[in-house]
């Protein structure tokens, strides 16, 4: 699988945003509800994988 060259900037930006959201998620939501924190993590991971698969050649 190769990534289209125009998608690298978008994938990098989405990776940064998803990473920051996951850090905030596990910092603030995990002490309150571990199940909710893992659910948010799974949704964000699915979103990131969708973006990566969108830009594959």
N, C-alpha and C. Protein backbone atom coordinates (compact mmCIF):
# COMPACT_ATOMS: atom_id res chain seq x y z
N UNK A 1 0.84 -1.17 0.00
CA UNK A 1 0.00 0.00 0.00
C UNK A 1 0.89 1.24 0.00
N UNK A 2 0.63 2.12 -0.92
CA UNK A 2 1.36 3.38 -0.96
C UNK A 2 0.38 4.52 -0.70
N UNK A 3 0.91 5.58 -0.16
CA UNK A 3 0.11 6.76 0.15
C UNK A 3 0.31 7.79 -0.96
N UNK A 4 -0.79 8.38 -1.41
CA UNK A 4 -0.71 9.40 -2.44
C UNK A 4 0.05 10.61 -1.89
N UNK A 5 0.90 11.22 -2.72
CA UNK A 5 1.78 12.28 -2.22
C UNK A 5 1.02 13.51 -1.75
N UNK A 6 -0.15 13.81 -2.31
CA UNK A 6 -0.92 14.97 -1.85
C UNK A 6 -1.59 14.73 -0.50
N UNK A 7 -1.66 13.47 -0.07
CA UNK A 7 -2.32 13.17 1.19
C UNK A 7 -1.42 13.19 2.40
N UNK A 8 -0.12 13.31 2.20
CA UNK A 8 0.79 13.23 3.35
C UNK A 8 0.59 14.39 4.33
N UNK A 9 0.33 15.57 3.83
CA UNK A 9 0.12 16.72 4.73
C UNK A 9 -1.17 16.54 5.53
N UNK A 10 -2.21 16.07 4.88
CA UNK A 10 -3.48 15.85 5.57
C UNK A 10 -3.35 14.75 6.61
N UNK A 11 -2.69 13.67 6.25
CA UNK A 11 -2.51 12.55 7.18
C UNK A 11 -1.67 13.00 8.38
N UNK A 12 -0.65 13.80 8.14
CA UNK A 12 0.18 14.29 9.25
C UNK A 12 -0.63 15.18 10.19
N UNK A 13 -1.43 16.05 9.62
CA UNK A 13 -2.25 16.94 10.44
C UNK A 13 -3.28 16.15 11.24
N UNK A 14 -3.93 15.19 10.61
CA UNK A 14 -4.91 14.37 11.31
C UNK A 14 -4.24 13.54 12.40
N UNK A 15 -3.05 13.02 12.14
CA UNK A 15 -2.32 12.25 13.15
C UNK A 15 -2.00 13.12 14.36
N UNK A 16 -1.60 14.35 14.12
CA UNK A 16 -1.30 15.26 15.22
C UNK A 16 -2.54 15.57 16.04
N UNK A 17 -3.64 15.87 15.37
CA UNK A 17 -4.88 16.21 16.07
C UNK A 17 -5.42 15.01 16.84
N UNK A 18 -5.41 13.84 16.22
CA UNK A 18 -5.89 12.64 16.89
C UNK A 18 -4.99 12.30 18.08
N UNK A 19 -3.70 12.47 17.93
CA UNK A 19 -2.78 12.22 19.04
C UNK A 19 -3.04 13.16 20.21
N UNK A 20 -3.23 14.44 19.93
CA UNK A 20 -3.51 15.41 20.99
C UNK A 20 -4.86 15.13 21.66
N UNK A 21 -5.85 14.76 20.86
CA UNK A 21 -7.16 14.44 21.44
C UNK A 21 -7.08 13.20 22.32
N UNK A 22 -6.27 12.22 21.92
CA UNK A 22 -6.13 11.02 22.75
C UNK A 22 -5.37 11.30 24.03
N UNK A 23 -4.38 12.17 23.98
CA UNK A 23 -3.68 12.57 25.21
C UNK A 23 -4.65 13.27 26.16
N UNK A 24 -5.44 14.19 25.64
CA UNK A 24 -6.42 14.88 26.47
C UNK A 24 -7.48 13.90 26.97
N UNK A 25 -7.88 12.98 26.12
CA UNK A 25 -8.89 11.99 26.49
C UNK A 25 -8.42 11.16 27.68
N UNK A 26 -7.23 10.62 27.60
CA UNK A 26 -6.75 9.76 28.68
C UNK A 26 -6.31 10.56 29.91
N UNK A 27 -6.03 11.83 29.75
CA UNK A 27 -5.67 12.66 30.90
C UNK A 27 -6.90 13.07 31.71
N UNK A 28 -7.99 13.38 31.03
CA UNK A 28 -9.15 13.93 31.72
C UNK A 28 -10.31 12.95 31.85
N UNK A 29 -10.56 12.14 30.85
CA UNK A 29 -11.73 11.25 30.88
C UNK A 29 -11.44 9.92 31.54
N UNK A 30 -10.21 9.43 31.43
CA UNK A 30 -9.89 8.10 31.97
C UNK A 30 -10.10 7.99 33.48
N UNK A 31 -9.73 9.00 34.28
CA UNK A 31 -10.01 8.86 35.73
C UNK A 31 -11.51 8.81 36.04
N UNK A 32 -12.33 9.38 35.21
CA UNK A 32 -13.78 9.40 35.44
C UNK A 32 -14.41 8.09 34.97
N UNK A 33 -14.11 7.70 33.73
CA UNK A 33 -14.71 6.50 33.15
C UNK A 33 -13.73 5.89 32.15
N UNK A 34 -13.18 4.76 32.51
CA UNK A 34 -12.22 4.08 31.64
C UNK A 34 -12.89 3.57 30.37
N UNK A 35 -14.12 3.10 30.48
CA UNK A 35 -14.82 2.56 29.31
C UNK A 35 -15.07 3.67 28.29
N UNK A 36 -15.49 4.83 28.75
CA UNK A 36 -15.73 5.95 27.84
C UNK A 36 -14.43 6.41 27.18
N UNK A 37 -13.35 6.42 27.93
CA UNK A 37 -12.05 6.83 27.37
C UNK A 37 -11.61 5.87 26.28
N UNK A 38 -11.76 4.57 26.51
CA UNK A 38 -11.39 3.60 25.48
C UNK A 38 -12.33 3.66 24.28
N UNK A 39 -13.60 3.98 24.51
CA UNK A 39 -14.54 4.12 23.39
C UNK A 39 -14.15 5.30 22.50
N UNK A 40 -13.79 6.41 23.12
CA UNK A 40 -13.34 7.58 22.35
C UNK A 40 -12.06 7.24 21.58
N UNK A 41 -11.15 6.51 22.23
CA UNK A 41 -9.91 6.10 21.56
C UNK A 41 -10.21 5.25 20.33
N UNK A 42 -11.12 4.29 20.44
CA UNK A 42 -11.46 3.42 19.31
C UNK A 42 -12.08 4.22 18.18
N UNK A 43 -12.95 5.16 18.50
CA UNK A 43 -13.57 6.00 17.46
C UNK A 43 -12.52 6.84 16.75
N UNK A 44 -11.62 7.45 17.50
CA UNK A 44 -10.58 8.29 16.89
C UNK A 44 -9.60 7.45 16.07
N UNK A 45 -9.29 6.25 16.54
CA UNK A 45 -8.43 5.37 15.76
C UNK A 45 -9.10 4.96 14.46
N UNK A 46 -10.39 4.66 14.51
CA UNK A 46 -11.13 4.34 13.29
C UNK A 46 -11.16 5.50 12.31
N UNK A 47 -11.33 6.72 12.83
CA UNK A 47 -11.31 7.91 11.98
C UNK A 47 -9.95 8.08 11.31
N UNK A 48 -8.89 7.88 12.08
CA UNK A 48 -7.55 8.02 11.51
C UNK A 48 -7.29 6.95 10.44
N UNK A 49 -7.69 5.73 10.70
CA UNK A 49 -7.50 4.66 9.71
C UNK A 49 -8.33 4.92 8.46
N UNK A 50 -9.51 5.52 8.60
CA UNK A 50 -10.31 5.89 7.44
C UNK A 50 -9.58 6.93 6.60
N UNK A 51 -9.00 7.93 7.24
CA UNK A 51 -8.27 8.98 6.51
C UNK A 51 -7.07 8.37 5.78
N UNK A 52 -6.35 7.49 6.43
CA UNK A 52 -5.20 6.85 5.78
C UNK A 52 -5.65 6.01 4.59
N UNK A 53 -6.73 5.25 4.76
CA UNK A 53 -7.19 4.41 3.65
C UNK A 53 -7.76 5.25 2.51
N UNK A 54 -8.26 6.45 2.82
CA UNK A 54 -8.78 7.32 1.78
C UNK A 54 -7.66 7.77 0.83
N UNK A 55 -6.47 8.00 1.35
CA UNK A 55 -5.38 8.53 0.55
C UNK A 55 -4.43 7.45 0.01
N UNK A 56 -4.80 6.19 0.11
CA UNK A 56 -3.91 5.16 -0.44
C UNK A 56 -4.09 5.07 -1.95
N UNK A 57 -3.04 4.66 -2.60
CA UNK A 57 -3.06 4.53 -4.05
C UNK A 57 -3.36 3.09 -4.43
